[in-house]
């Protein structure tokens, strides 16, 4: 399949490396960007053409899909045009700045009959796939409690860059930009909670518009209780983790490695800890997760099925994030 890459900024390198690895399945026809200098500096695949005109991509009938790697505030407008042109779409997380805009993007892709995937690569790790299978099979029993912890670090220089940590460009702070991967995986594994009581604030560590720390208590419909702890003010940055305790065992996912403990059974271990950009080097991670999501996206198009990271399923984490922030603003528990 011939594909286009929309955006050549900080998010592009792992996607371009993934497409290089998948060159037997996908050929990069175009790389679009607003900045000619940035386009010139990008590590472009052999044969790819660069352009500052989105029309070049839209009018190329040989292009079947596009990866949209722009900041979130531009996703909707670009995806609307791509979908109308019949091109399948993969967007960087989050789907869009707000839930309303994200829902509009998902609806547009459905209306035009194109596949929509979101780069939520934590779902695609071998450890997450194994844990999802165990839960789906009922091997761990009923969920009792959960915790999701993202104690990362970003220096002030990160937020000094134009648009970083703002509502207008990023749509939020630590929840929308960093913790979204861990929160999405939590919901992908055990479903969305029914009730949320949250707090969010900007710490003295950073000067920024949005939150750099957030906490919440979550309650599921069957009574399970969970906690969320997220920050980018924890120097030097620590591995993210999800801990789930069930009636028949406990599962711990930390930095992409899974440990499952069940009474009377041997400990199950899957995967090795991986760097994930927890510290000042925000791109300090392997691109294997990106490659898995892109490969699944291409396969979903060929097989006419929903991708693993289908756009509609990605709305759940934005609903949760909006609920935490609303609960903090209003001082009340929010029902999902």
C-alpha atoms as a PDB file:
ATOM      1  CA  UNK A   1       0.000   0.000   0.000  1.00  0.00           C
ATOM      2  CA  UNK A   2       1.204   3.491  -0.830  1.00  0.00           C
ATOM      3  CA  UNK A   3       0.944   5.758   2.211  1.00  0.00           C
ATOM      4  CA  UNK A   4       1.527   9.391   3.109  1.00  0.00           C
ATOM      5  CA  UNK A   5       3.055  10.810   6.286  1.00  0.00           C
ATOM      6  CA  UNK A   6       1.415  14.055   7.402  1.00  0.00           C
ATOM      7  CA  UNK A   7       3.810  15.946   9.670  1.00  0.00           C
ATOM      8  CA  UNK A   8       7.586  15.787   9.977  1.00  0.00           C
ATOM      9  CA  UNK A   9       8.042  17.050  13.546  1.00  0.00           C
ATOM     10  CA  UNK A  10       9.075  15.431  16.817  1.00  0.00           C
ATOM     11  CA  UNK A  11       6.515  12.611  16.506  1.00  0.00           C
ATOM     12  CA  UNK A  12       7.657  11.499  13.057  1.00  0.00           C
ATOM     13  CA  UNK A  13      10.915   9.520  13.598  1.00  0.00           C
ATOM     14  CA  UNK A  14       9.449   6.349  15.202  1.00  0.00           C
ATOM     15  CA  UNK A  15       6.736   6.236  12.537  1.00  0.00           C
ATOM     16  CA  UNK A  16       9.248   6.645   9.710  1.00  0.00           C
ATOM     17  CA  UNK A  17      11.472   3.947  11.215  1.00  0.00           C
ATOM     18  CA  UNK A  18       8.422   1.682  11.489  1.00  0.00           C
ATOM     19  CA  UNK A  19       7.532   2.261   7.853  1.00  0.00           C
ATOM     20  CA  UNK A  20      11.118   1.484   6.877  1.00  0.00           C
ATOM     21  CA  UNK A  21      10.858  -1.846   8.708  1.00  0.00           C
ATOM     22  CA  UNK A  22       7.502  -2.507   7.008  1.00  0.00           C
ATOM     23  CA  UNK A  23       8.612  -1.497   3.535  1.00  0.00           C
ATOM     24  CA  UNK A  24       7.438  -4.855   2.158  1.00  0.00           C
ATOM     25  CA  UNK A  25       3.900  -3.898   3.203  1.00  0.00           C
ATOM     26  CA  UNK A  26       3.929  -0.124   2.686  1.00  0.00           C
ATOM     27  CA  UNK A  27       5.621   2.367   0.394  1.00  0.00           C
ATOM     28  CA  UNK A  28       5.869   5.983   1.549  1.00  0.00           C
ATOM     29  CA  UNK A  29       4.720   8.125  -1.366  1.00  0.00           C
ATOM     30  CA  UNK A  30       4.571  11.550   0.304  1.00  0.00           C
ATOM     31  CA  UNK A  31       5.770  13.334   3.440  1.00  0.00           C
ATOM     32  CA  UNK A  32       3.835  16.543   4.059  1.00  0.00           C
ATOM     33  CA  UNK A  33       4.903  19.380   6.329  1.00  0.00           C
ATOM     34  CA  UNK A  34       4.464  23.131   6.768  1.00  0.00           C
ATOM     35  CA  UNK A  35       8.179  23.778   7.305  1.00  0.00           C
ATOM     36  CA  UNK A  36      10.521  23.201   4.337  1.00  0.00           C
ATOM     37  CA  UNK A  37      13.593  23.153   6.589  1.00  0.00           C
ATOM     38  CA  UNK A  38      12.068  20.479   8.814  1.00  0.00           C
ATOM     39  CA  UNK A  39      11.105  18.431   5.770  1.00  0.00           C
ATOM     40  CA  UNK A  40      14.658  18.704   4.448  1.00  0.00           C
ATOM     41  CA  UNK A  41      16.073  17.520   7.781  1.00  0.00           C
ATOM     42  CA  UNK A  42      13.743  14.506   8.152  1.00  0.00           C
ATOM     43  CA  UNK A  43      15.009  10.946   7.617  1.00  0.00           C
ATOM     44  CA  UNK A  44      12.859  10.284   4.562  1.00  0.00           C
ATOM     45  CA  UNK A  45      12.283   6.820   3.098  1.00  0.00           C
ATOM     46  CA  UNK A  46      13.761   6.175  -0.335  1.00  0.00           C
ATOM     47  CA  UNK A  47      11.468   7.410  -3.077  1.00  0.00           C
ATOM     48  CA  UNK A  48       9.268   9.551  -0.848  1.00  0.00           C
ATOM     49  CA  UNK A  49       8.370  12.989  -2.173  1.00  0.00           C
ATOM     50  CA  UNK A  50       7.999  16.023   0.091  1.00  0.00           C
ATOM     51  CA  UNK A  51       5.328  18.685  -0.176  1.00  0.00           C
ATOM     52  CA  UNK A  52       3.799  21.606   1.702  1.00  0.00           C
ATOM     53  CA  UNK A  53       0.507  21.151  -0.207  1.00  0.00           C
ATOM     54  CA  UNK A  54      -1.915  18.683   1.371  1.00  0.00           C
ATOM     55  CA  UNK A  55      -3.684  18.657  -1.989  1.00  0.00           C
ATOM     56  CA  UNK A  56      -0.793  16.661  -3.444  1.00  0.00           C
ATOM     57  CA  UNK A  57      -1.654  13.831  -1.073  1.00  0.00           C
ATOM     58  CA  UNK A  58      -5.425  14.165  -1.449  1.00  0.00           C
ATOM     59  CA  UNK A  59      -5.269  14.127  -5.248  1.00  0.00           C
ATOM     60  CA  UNK A  60      -2.902  11.155  -5.500  1.00  0.00           C
ATOM     61  CA  UNK A  61      -5.309   8.263  -6.069  1.00  0.00           C
ATOM     62  CA  UNK A  62      -2.495   5.737  -5.573  1.00  0.00           C
ATOM     63  CA  UNK A  63      -2.257   6.686  -1.877  1.00  0.00           C
ATOM     64  CA  UNK A  64      -4.509   4.459   0.206  1.00  0.00           C
ATOM     65  CA  UNK A  65      -3.691   5.593   3.742  1.00  0.00           C
ATOM     66  CA  UNK A  66      -2.056   8.389   5.721  1.00  0.00           C
ATOM     67  CA  UNK A  67      -0.361   8.744   9.105  1.00  0.00           C
ATOM     68  CA  UNK A  68      -1.331  12.073  10.698  1.00  0.00           C
ATOM     69  CA  UNK A  69       1.497  13.142  13.029  1.00  0.00           C
ATOM     70  CA  UNK A  70       0.656  16.814  13.521  1.00  0.00           C
ATOM     71  CA  UNK A  71      -0.147  18.376  16.911  1.00  0.00           C
ATOM     72  CA  UNK A  72      -3.629  17.309  18.114  1.00  0.00           C
ATOM     73  CA  UNK A  73      -5.384  20.561  17.251  1.00  0.00           C
ATOM     74  CA  UNK A  74      -4.851  19.901  13.532  1.00  0.00           C
ATOM     75  CA  UNK A  75      -6.046  16.276  13.461  1.00  0.00           C
ATOM     76  CA  UNK A  76      -9.731  16.890  12.752  1.00  0.00           C
ATOM     77  CA  UNK A  77      -9.389  19.175   9.744  1.00  0.00           C
ATOM     78  CA  UNK A  78      -6.732  17.001   8.109  1.00  0.00           C
ATOM     79  CA  UNK A  79      -8.526  13.718   8.829  1.00  0.00           C
ATOM     80  CA  UNK A  80     -11.813  15.086   7.473  1.00  0.00           C
ATOM     81  CA  UNK A  81     -10.132  15.836   4.146  1.00  0.00           C
ATOM     82  CA  UNK A  82      -8.311  12.511   4.028  1.00  0.00           C
ATOM     83  CA  UNK A  83     -11.457  10.530   4.838  1.00  0.00           C
ATOM     84  CA  UNK A  84     -13.464  12.428   2.221  1.00  0.00           C
ATOM     85  CA  UNK A  85     -10.770  11.460  -0.291  1.00  0.00           C
ATOM     86  CA  UNK A  86     -11.221   7.793   0.681  1.00  0.00           C
ATOM     87  CA  UNK A  87      -7.899   7.411   2.476  1.00  0.00           C
ATOM     88  CA  UNK A  88      -7.573   5.346   5.642  1.00  0.00           C
ATOM     89  CA  UNK A  89      -6.208   7.285   8.633  1.00  0.00           C
ATOM     90  CA  UNK A  90      -3.851   6.646  11.529  1.00  0.00           C
ATOM     91  CA  UNK A  91      -3.498   9.580  13.941  1.00  0.00           C
ATOM     92  CA  UNK A  92      -1.021  10.218  16.724  1.00  0.00           C
ATOM     93  CA  UNK A  93      -2.582  10.301  20.167  1.00  0.00           C
ATOM     94  CA  UNK A  94      -4.823  11.873  21.310  1.00  0.00           C
ATOM     95  CA  UNK A  95      -7.542  11.640  18.671  1.00  0.00           C
ATOM     96  CA  UNK A  96      -8.131  15.400  19.023  1.00  0.00           C
ATOM     97  CA  UNK A  97      -8.039  18.251  21.555  1.00  0.00           C
ATOM     98  CA  UNK A  98     -11.511  17.685  23.013  1.00  0.00           C
ATOM     99  CA  UNK A  99     -13.948  14.806  23.197  1.00  0.00           C
ATOM    100  CA  UNK A 100     -16.391  16.608  20.888  1.00  0.00           C
ATOM    101  CA  UNK A 101     -13.741  17.055  18.191  1.00  0.00           C
ATOM    102  CA  UNK A 102     -12.506  13.486  18.677  1.00  0.00           C
ATOM    103  CA  UNK A 103     -16.028  12.138  18.265  1.00  0.00           C
ATOM    104  CA  UNK A 104     -16.455  14.209  15.092  1.00  0.00           C
ATOM    105  CA  UNK A 105     -13.245  12.729  13.657  1.00  0.00           C
ATOM    106  CA  UNK A 106     -14.318   9.166  14.462  1.00  0.00           C
ATOM    107  CA  UNK A 107     -17.768   9.772  12.971  1.00  0.00           C
ATOM    108  CA  UNK A 108     -16.307  11.229   9.758  1.00  0.00           C
ATOM    109  CA  UNK A 109     -14.082   8.202   9.163  1.00  0.00           C
ATOM    110  CA  UNK A 110     -17.037   5.875   9.768  1.00  0.00           C
ATOM    111  CA  UNK A 111     -19.240   7.911   7.425  1.00  0.00           C
ATOM    112  CA  UNK A 112     -16.686   7.688   4.616  1.00  0.00           C
ATOM    113  CA  UNK A 113     -15.984   4.006   5.234  1.00  0.00           C
ATOM    114  CA  UNK A 114     -12.280   4.350   6.034  1.00  0.00           C
ATOM    115  CA  UNK A 115     -10.349   2.681   8.855  1.00  0.00           C
ATOM    116  CA  UNK A 116      -9.183   4.863  11.733  1.00  0.00           C
ATOM    117  CA  UNK A 117      -6.383   3.847  14.106  1.00  0.00           C
ATOM    118  CA  UNK A 118      -4.709   5.816  16.908  1.00  0.00           C
ATOM    119  CA  UNK A 119      -1.067   5.512  17.965  1.00  0.00           C
ATOM    120  CA  UNK A 120      -1.707   3.999  21.390  1.00  0.00           C
ATOM    121  CA  UNK A 121       1.153   1.548  21.150  1.00  0.00           C
ATOM    122  CA  UNK A 122       1.078   0.246  24.726  1.00  0.00           C
ATOM    123  CA  UNK A 123      -1.833  -1.993  23.686  1.00  0.00           C
ATOM    124  CA  UNK A 124       0.412  -3.757  21.173  1.00  0.00           C
ATOM    125  CA  UNK A 125       3.263  -4.870  23.456  1.00  0.00           C
ATOM    126  CA  UNK A 126       3.650  -8.652  23.902  1.00  0.00           C
ATOM    127  CA  UNK A 127       3.080  -8.236  27.637  1.00  0.00           C
ATOM    128  CA  UNK A 128      -0.168  -6.294  27.169  1.00  0.00           C
ATOM    129  CA  UNK A 129      -1.426  -8.751  24.559  1.00  0.00           C
ATOM    130  CA  UNK A 130      -0.739 -11.661  26.922  1.00  0.00           C
ATOM    131  CA  UNK A 131      -2.462  -9.975  29.849  1.00  0.00           C
ATOM    132  CA  UNK A 132      -5.470  -9.034  27.722  1.00  0.00           C
ATOM    133  CA  UNK A 133      -5.815 -12.677  26.670  1.00  0.00           C
ATOM    134  CA  UNK A 134      -5.673 -13.900  30.298  1.00  0.00           C
ATOM    135  CA  UNK A 135      -8.360 -11.420  31.342  1.00  0.00           C
ATOM    136  CA  UNK A 136     -10.538 -12.220  28.336  1.00  0.00           C
ATOM    137  CA  UNK A 137     -10.317 -15.965  29.098  1.00  0.00           C
ATOM    138  CA  UNK A 138     -11.269 -15.398  32.754  1.00  0.00           C
ATOM    139  CA  UNK A 139      -7.998 -16.890  33.993  1.00  0.00           C
ATOM    140  CA  UNK A 140      -7.626 -14.222  36.695  1.00  0.00           C
ATOM    141  CA  UNK A 141     -11.219 -14.010  37.836  1.00  0.00           C
ATOM    142  CA  UNK A 142     -13.022 -10.782  38.672  1.00  0.00           C
ATOM    143  CA  UNK A 143     -11.296  -7.408  39.002  1.00  0.00           C
ATOM    144  CA  UNK A 144     -10.996  -6.219  42.609  1.00  0.00           C
ATOM    145  CA  UNK A 145      -8.641  -3.230  42.437  1.00  0.00           C
ATOM    146  CA  UNK A 146      -6.401  -1.319  40.068  1.00  0.00           C
ATOM    147  CA  UNK A 147      -3.743   1.351  40.052  1.00  0.00           C
ATOM    148  CA  UNK A 148      -2.124   3.286  37.207  1.00  0.00           C
ATOM    149  CA  UNK A 149       1.031   5.227  38.010  1.00  0.00           C
ATOM    150  CA  UNK A 150       2.920   7.566  35.672  1.00  0.00           C
ATOM    151  CA  UNK A 151       5.630   9.448  37.580  1.00  0.00           C
ATOM    152  CA  UNK A 152       7.601  11.070  34.791  1.00  0.00           C
ATOM    153  CA  UNK A 153       9.833  14.113  34.434  1.00  0.00           C
ATOM    154  CA  UNK A 154       9.906  16.977  31.974  1.00  0.00           C
ATOM    155  CA  UNK A 155      12.266  19.970  32.456  1.00  0.00           C
ATOM    156  CA  UNK A 156      10.927  23.512  32.168  1.00  0.00           C
ATOM    157  CA  UNK A 157      12.661  23.810  28.789  1.00  0.00           C
ATOM    158  CA  UNK A 158      10.163  21.266  27.447  1.00  0.00           C
ATOM    159  CA  UNK A 159       7.218  23.505  28.363  1.00  0.00           C
ATOM    160  CA  UNK A 160       9.003  26.626  27.143  1.00  0.00           C
ATOM    161  CA  UNK A 161       8.597  25.430  23.569  1.00  0.00           C
ATOM    162  CA  UNK A 162       5.668  27.146  21.790  1.00  0.00           C
ATOM    163  CA  UNK A 163       2.368  25.399  22.424  1.00  0.00           C
ATOM    164  CA  UNK A 164       3.663  22.779  24.846  1.00  0.00           C
ATOM    165  CA  UNK A 165       1.330  22.152  27.749  1.00  0.00           C
ATOM    166  CA  UNK A 166      -1.385  24.448  26.383  1.00  0.00           C
ATOM    167  CA  UNK A 167      -5.066  23.807  25.794  1.00  0.00           C
ATOM    168  CA  UNK A 168      -4.940  25.388  22.338  1.00  0.00           C
ATOM    169  CA  UNK A 169      -2.324  23.020  20.885  1.00  0.00           C
ATOM    170  CA  UNK A 170      -2.031  19.956  23.132  1.00  0.00           C
ATOM    171  CA  UNK A 171      -5.499  19.915  24.703  1.00  0.00           C
ATOM    172  CA  UNK A 172      -4.085  19.349  28.185  1.00  0.00           C
ATOM    173  CA  UNK A 173      -1.052  18.505  30.270  1.00  0.00           C
ATOM    174  CA  UNK A 174       0.236  15.302  31.823  1.00  0.00           C
ATOM    175  CA  UNK A 175      -3.033  13.415  31.391  1.00  0.00           C
ATOM    176  CA  UNK A 176      -3.538  14.101  27.695  1.00  0.00           C
ATOM    177  CA  UNK A 177       0.090  14.130  26.590  1.00  0.00           C
ATOM    178  CA  UNK A 178       1.991  11.645  28.774  1.00  0.00           C
ATOM    179  CA  UNK A 179      -0.298   9.473  30.933  1.00  0.00           C
ATOM    180  CA  UNK A 180      -2.787   8.857  28.112  1.00  0.00           C
ATOM    181  CA  UNK A 181      -0.893   5.727  27.016  1.00  0.00           C
ATOM    182  CA  UNK A 182      -1.050   4.083  30.443  1.00  0.00           C
ATOM    183  CA  UNK A 183      -4.649   5.152  31.035  1.00  0.00           C
ATOM    184  CA  UNK A 184      -5.697   3.855  27.621  1.00  0.00           C
ATOM    185  CA  UNK A 185      -4.084   0.492  28.337  1.00  0.00           C
ATOM    186  CA  UNK A 186      -5.838   0.313  31.712  1.00  0.00           C
ATOM    187  CA  UNK A 187      -9.228   0.854  30.051  1.00  0.00           C
ATOM    188  CA  UNK A 188      -8.357  -1.508  27.204  1.00  0.00           C
ATOM    189  CA  UNK A 189      -7.668  -4.247  29.756  1.00  0.00           C
ATOM    190  CA  UNK A 190     -10.474  -3.820  32.289  1.00  0.00           C
ATOM    191  CA  UNK A 191     -12.984  -1.393  30.784  1.00  0.00           C
ATOM    192  CA  UNK A 192     -13.975   2.084  31.860  1.00  0.00           C
ATOM    193  CA  UNK A 193     -14.889   2.962  35.438  1.00  0.00           C
ATOM    194  CA  UNK A 194     -18.372   4.195  36.256  1.00  0.00           C
ATOM    195  CA  UNK A 195     -17.406   6.963  38.683  1.00  0.00           C
ATOM    196  CA  UNK A 196     -14.389   9.281  38.940  1.00  0.00           C
ATOM    197  CA  UNK A 197     -13.256  11.624  41.708  1.00  0.00           C
ATOM    198  CA  UNK A 198     -10.204  13.598  40.609  1.00  0.00           C
ATOM    199  CA  UNK A 199      -7.772  16.375  41.430  1.00  0.00           C
ATOM    200  CA  UNK A 200      -5.436  18.145  39.000  1.00  0.00           C
ATOM    201  CA  UNK A 201      -3.044  21.065  39.426  1.00  0.00           C
ATOM    202  CA  UNK A 202       0.122  22.737  38.191  1.00  0.00           C
ATOM    203  CA  UNK A 203       2.989  22.172  40.616  1.00  0.00           C
ATOM    204  CA  UNK A 204       5.629  24.783  41.589  1.00  0.00           C
ATOM    205  CA  UNK A 205       8.089  22.796  39.432  1.00  0.00           C
ATOM    206  CA  UNK A 206       6.713  24.116  36.124  1.00  0.00           C
ATOM    207  CA  UNK A 207       5.381  27.284  34.533  1.00  0.00           C
ATOM    208  CA  UNK A 208       2.638  26.075  32.198  1.00  0.00           C
ATOM    209  CA  UNK A 209      -1.038  26.520  31.442  1.00  0.00           C
ATOM    210  CA  UNK A 210      -2.255  22.979  32.066  1.00  0.00           C
ATOM    211  CA  UNK A 211      -1.777  20.381  34.793  1.00  0.00           C
ATOM    212  CA  UNK A 212       1.513  18.623  35.508  1.00  0.00           C
ATOM    213  CA  UNK A 213       0.079  16.453  38.278  1.00  0.00           C
ATOM    214  CA  UNK A 214      -3.229  14.639  38.674  1.00  0.00           C
ATOM    215  CA  UNK A 215      -4.733  11.994  40.917  1.00  0.00           C
ATOM    216  CA  UNK A 216      -8.070  10.236  40.926  1.00  0.00           C
ATOM    217  CA  UNK A 217     -10.103   7.516  42.583  1.00  0.00           C
ATOM    218  CA  UNK A 218     -11.951   5.289  40.137  1.00  0.00           C
ATOM    219  CA  UNK A 219     -14.897   2.974  40.771  1.00  0.00           C
ATOM    220  CA  UNK A 220     -16.137   0.347  38.335  1.00  0.00           C
ATOM    221  CA  UNK A 221     -19.782  -0.723  38.054  1.00  0.00           C
ATOM    222  CA  UNK A 222     -19.107  -4.080  39.755  1.00  0.00           C
ATOM    223  CA  UNK A 223     -17.523  -2.384  42.774  1.00  0.00           C
ATOM    224  CA  UNK A 224     -13.829  -2.592  41.885  1.00  0.00           C
ATOM    225  CA  UNK A 225     -11.844   0.448  43.055  1.00  0.00           C
ATOM    226  CA  UNK A 226      -8.772   1.963  41.445  1.00  0.00           C
ATOM    227  CA  UNK A 227      -6.390   4.886  41.745  1.00  0.00           C
ATOM    228  CA  UNK A 228      -4.601   7.065  39.223  1.00  0.00           C
ATOM    229  CA  UNK A 229      -1.381   8.991  39.897  1.00  0.00           C
ATOM    230  CA  UNK A 230       0.236  11.001  37.097  1.00  0.00           C
ATOM    231  CA  UNK A 231       2.872  13.723  37.011  1.00  0.00           C
ATOM    232  CA  UNK A 232       5.713  15.164  34.955  1.00  0.00           C
ATOM    233  CA  UNK A 233       7.283  16.735  38.066  1.00  0.00           C
ATOM    234  CA  UNK A 234       8.974  13.579  39.432  1.00  0.00           C
ATOM    235  CA  UNK A 235      12.692  13.979  38.689  1.00  0.00           C
ATOM    236  CA  UNK A 236      14.378  12.109  37.035  1.00  0.00           C
ATOM    237  CA  UNK A 237      11.365  10.085  35.803  1.00  0.00           C
ATOM    238  CA  UNK A 238      10.321   6.535  36.701  1.00  0.00           C
ATOM    239  CA  UNK A 239       8.810   3.600  34.769  1.00  0.00           C
ATOM    240  CA  UNK A 240       5.052   3.704  34.386  1.00  0.00           C
ATOM    241  CA  UNK A 241       3.087   0.816  35.869  1.00  0.00           C
ATOM    242  CA  UNK A 242      -0.352  -0.755  35.998  1.00  0.00           C
ATOM    243  CA  UNK A 243      -1.180  -3.066  38.909  1.00  0.00           C
ATOM    244  CA  UNK A 244      -4.364  -5.133  38.790  1.00  0.00           C
ATOM    245  CA  UNK A 245      -5.578  -7.464  41.517  1.00  0.00           C
ATOM    246  CA  UNK A 246      -8.257 -10.011  40.702  1.00  0.00           C
ATOM    247  CA  UNK A 247     -10.065 -12.666  42.733  1.00  0.00           C
ATOM    248  CA  UNK A 248      -7.674 -15.290  41.348  1.00  0.00           C
ATOM    249  CA  UNK A 249      -4.364 -13.441  41.126  1.00  0.00           C
ATOM    250  CA  UNK A 250      -2.445 -10.220  40.563  1.00  0.00           C
ATOM    251  CA  UNK A 251      -0.901  -8.751  37.423  1.00  0.00           C
ATOM    252  CA  UNK A 252       1.796  -6.083  37.310  1.00  0.00           C
ATOM    253  CA  UNK A 253       2.753  -4.327  34.081  1.00  0.00           C
ATOM    254  CA  UNK A 254       5.805  -2.109  34.454  1.00  0.00           C
ATOM    255  CA  UNK A 255       7.574  -0.466  31.509  1.00  0.00           C
ATOM    256  CA  UNK A 256       6.291  -3.142  29.141  1.00  0.00           C
ATOM    257  CA  UNK A 257       7.143  -6.170  31.303  1.00  0.00           C
ATOM    258  CA  UNK A 258       4.402  -8.371  32.801  1.00  0.00           C
ATOM    259  CA  UNK A 259       4.469 -10.399  36.019  1.00  0.00           C
ATOM    260  CA  UNK A 260       1.412 -12.482  36.949  1.00  0.00           C
ATOM    261  CA  UNK A 261       1.116 -14.193  40.337  1.00  0.00           C
ATOM    262  CA  UNK A 262      -1.624 -16.796  40.994  1.00  0.00           C
ATOM    263  CA  UNK A 263      -2.071 -19.045  44.042  1.00  0.00           C
ATOM    264  CA  UNK A 264      -0.581 -22.489  43.497  1.00  0.00           C
ATOM    265  CA  UNK A 265       0.847 -21.604  40.071  1.00  0.00           C
ATOM    266  CA  UNK A 266       4.258 -20.633  38.770  1.00  0.00           C
ATOM    267  CA  UNK A 267       4.945 -16.938  38.252  1.00  0.00           C
ATOM    268  CA  UNK A 268       4.281 -15.871  34.657  1.00  0.00           C
ATOM    269  CA  UNK A 269       6.735 -13.386  33.169  1.00  0.00           C
ATOM    270  CA  UNK A 270       6.376 -11.837  29.719  1.00  0.00           C
ATOM    271  CA  UNK A 271       8.661  -9.254  28.111  1.00  0.00           C
ATOM    272  CA  UNK A 272      11.532  -7.159  29.382  1.00  0.00           C
ATOM    273  CA  UNK A 273      11.397  -3.600  30.794  1.00  0.00           C
ATOM    274  CA  UNK A 274      11.689  -1.017  28.030  1.00  0.00           C
ATOM    275  CA  UNK A 275      12.518   2.679  28.096  1.00  0.00           C
ATOM    276  CA  UNK A 276       9.407   4.750  27.427  1.00  0.00           C
ATOM    277  CA  UNK A 277      10.442   8.402  27.507  1.00  0.00           C
ATOM    278  CA  UNK A 278       9.895   8.816  31.241  1.00  0.00           C
ATOM    279  CA  UNK A 279      12.686  11.361  31.651  1.00  0.00           C
ATOM    280  CA  UNK A 280      14.014  14.454  29.920  1.00  0.00           C
ATOM    281  CA  UNK A 281      14.677  12.491  26.714  1.00  0.00           C
ATOM    282  CA  UNK A 282      11.033  12.244  25.650  1.00  0.00           C
ATOM    283  CA  UNK A 283      11.887  10.208  22.530  1.00  0.00           C
ATOM    284  CA  UNK A 284      14.134   7.796  24.420  1.00  0.00           C
ATOM    285  CA  UNK A 285      12.264   4.612  23.501  1.00  0.00           C
ATOM    286  CA  UNK A 286      12.335   1.810  20.970  1.00  0.00           C
ATOM    287  CA  UNK A 287       9.936   2.026  18.006  1.00  0.00           C
ATOM    288  CA  UNK A 288       8.750  -1.605  18.232  1.00  0.00           C
ATOM    289  CA  UNK A 289       5.377  -0.535  19.619  1.00  0.00           C
ATOM    290  CA  UNK A 290       4.861   1.963  16.805  1.00  0.00           C
ATOM    291  CA  UNK A 291       5.800  -0.690  14.266  1.00  0.00           C
ATOM    292  CA  UNK A 292       3.269  -3.125  15.738  1.00  0.00           C
ATOM    293  CA  UNK A 293       0.457  -0.550  15.550  1.00  0.00           C
ATOM    294  CA  UNK A 294       1.318   0.458  11.976  1.00  0.00           C
ATOM    295  CA  UNK A 295       1.547  -3.203  10.923  1.00  0.00           C
ATOM    296  CA  UNK A 296      -1.842  -3.929  12.494  1.00  0.00           C
ATOM    297  CA  UNK A 297      -3.332  -0.835  10.799  1.00  0.00           C
ATOM    298  CA  UNK A 298      -2.149  -2.028   7.385  1.00  0.00           C
ATOM    299  CA  UNK A 299      -3.429  -5.545   8.078  1.00  0.00           C
ATOM    300  CA  UNK A 300      -6.795  -4.193   9.256  1.00  0.00           C
ATOM    301  CA  UNK A 301      -7.206  -2.356   5.950  1.00  0.00           C
ATOM    302  CA  UNK A 302      -6.359  -5.477   3.959  1.00  0.00           C
ATOM    303  CA  UNK A 303      -8.604  -7.717   6.100  1.00  0.00           C
ATOM    304  CA  UNK A 304     -11.456  -5.189   6.343  1.00  0.00           C
ATOM    305  CA  UNK A 305     -11.559  -5.310  10.141  1.00  0.00           C
ATOM    306  CA  UNK A 306     -11.202  -2.829  12.977  1.00  0.00           C
ATOM    307  CA  UNK A 307      -7.589  -2.059  13.995  1.00  0.00           C
ATOM    308  CA  UNK A 308      -6.323  -3.024  17.462  1.00  0.00           C
ATOM    309  CA  UNK A 309      -6.222   0.700  18.302  1.00  0.00           C
ATOM    310  CA  UNK A 310      -9.492   1.576  16.565  1.00  0.00           C
ATOM    311  CA  UNK A 311     -10.482   5.239  16.796  1.00  0.00           C
ATOM    312  CA  UNK A 312     -13.850   4.573  18.449  1.00  0.00           C
ATOM    313  CA  UNK A 313     -12.177   2.615  21.269  1.00  0.00           C
ATOM    314  CA  UNK A 314      -9.691   5.467  21.798  1.00  0.00           C
ATOM    315  CA  UNK A 315     -12.535   7.787  22.813  1.00  0.00           C
ATOM    316  CA  UNK A 316     -12.782   6.021  26.182  1.00  0.00           C
ATOM    317  CA  UNK A 317      -9.517   7.441  27.498  1.00  0.00           C
ATOM    318  CA  UNK A 318     -10.493  10.975  26.465  1.00  0.00           C
ATOM    319  CA  UNK A 319     -13.786  10.563  28.341  1.00  0.00           C
ATOM    320  CA  UNK A 320     -11.831   9.493  31.423  1.00  0.00           C
ATOM    321  CA  UNK A 321      -9.378  12.409  31.164  1.00  0.00           C
ATOM    322  CA  UNK A 322     -12.188  14.930  30.759  1.00  0.00           C
ATOM    323  CA  UNK A 323     -13.957  13.375  33.764  1.00  0.00           C
ATOM    324  CA  UNK A 324     -10.858  13.706  35.987  1.00  0.00           C
ATOM    325  CA  UNK A 325     -10.387  17.356  35.006  1.00  0.00           C
ATOM    326  CA  UNK A 326     -14.082  18.173  35.388  1.00  0.00           C
ATOM    327  CA  UNK A 327     -14.155  16.509  38.802  1.00  0.00           C
ATOM    328  CA  UNK A 328     -11.163  18.602  39.867  1.00  0.00           C
ATOM    329  CA  UNK A 329     -12.730  21.859  38.618  1.00  0.00           C
ATOM    330  CA  UNK A 330     -16.157  21.250  40.141  1.00  0.00           C
ATOM    331  CA  UNK A 331     -15.161  19.349  43.272  1.00  0.00           C
ATOM    332  CA  UNK A 332     -17.631  16.546  42.608  1.00  0.00           C
ATOM    333  CA  UNK A 333     -17.559  12.915  41.534  1.00  0.00           C
ATOM    334  CA  UNK A 334     -18.288  12.485  37.830  1.00  0.00           C
ATOM    335  CA  UNK A 335     -20.182   9.560  36.322  1.00  0.00           C
ATOM    336  CA  UNK A 336     -19.064   8.192  32.983  1.00  0.00           C
END
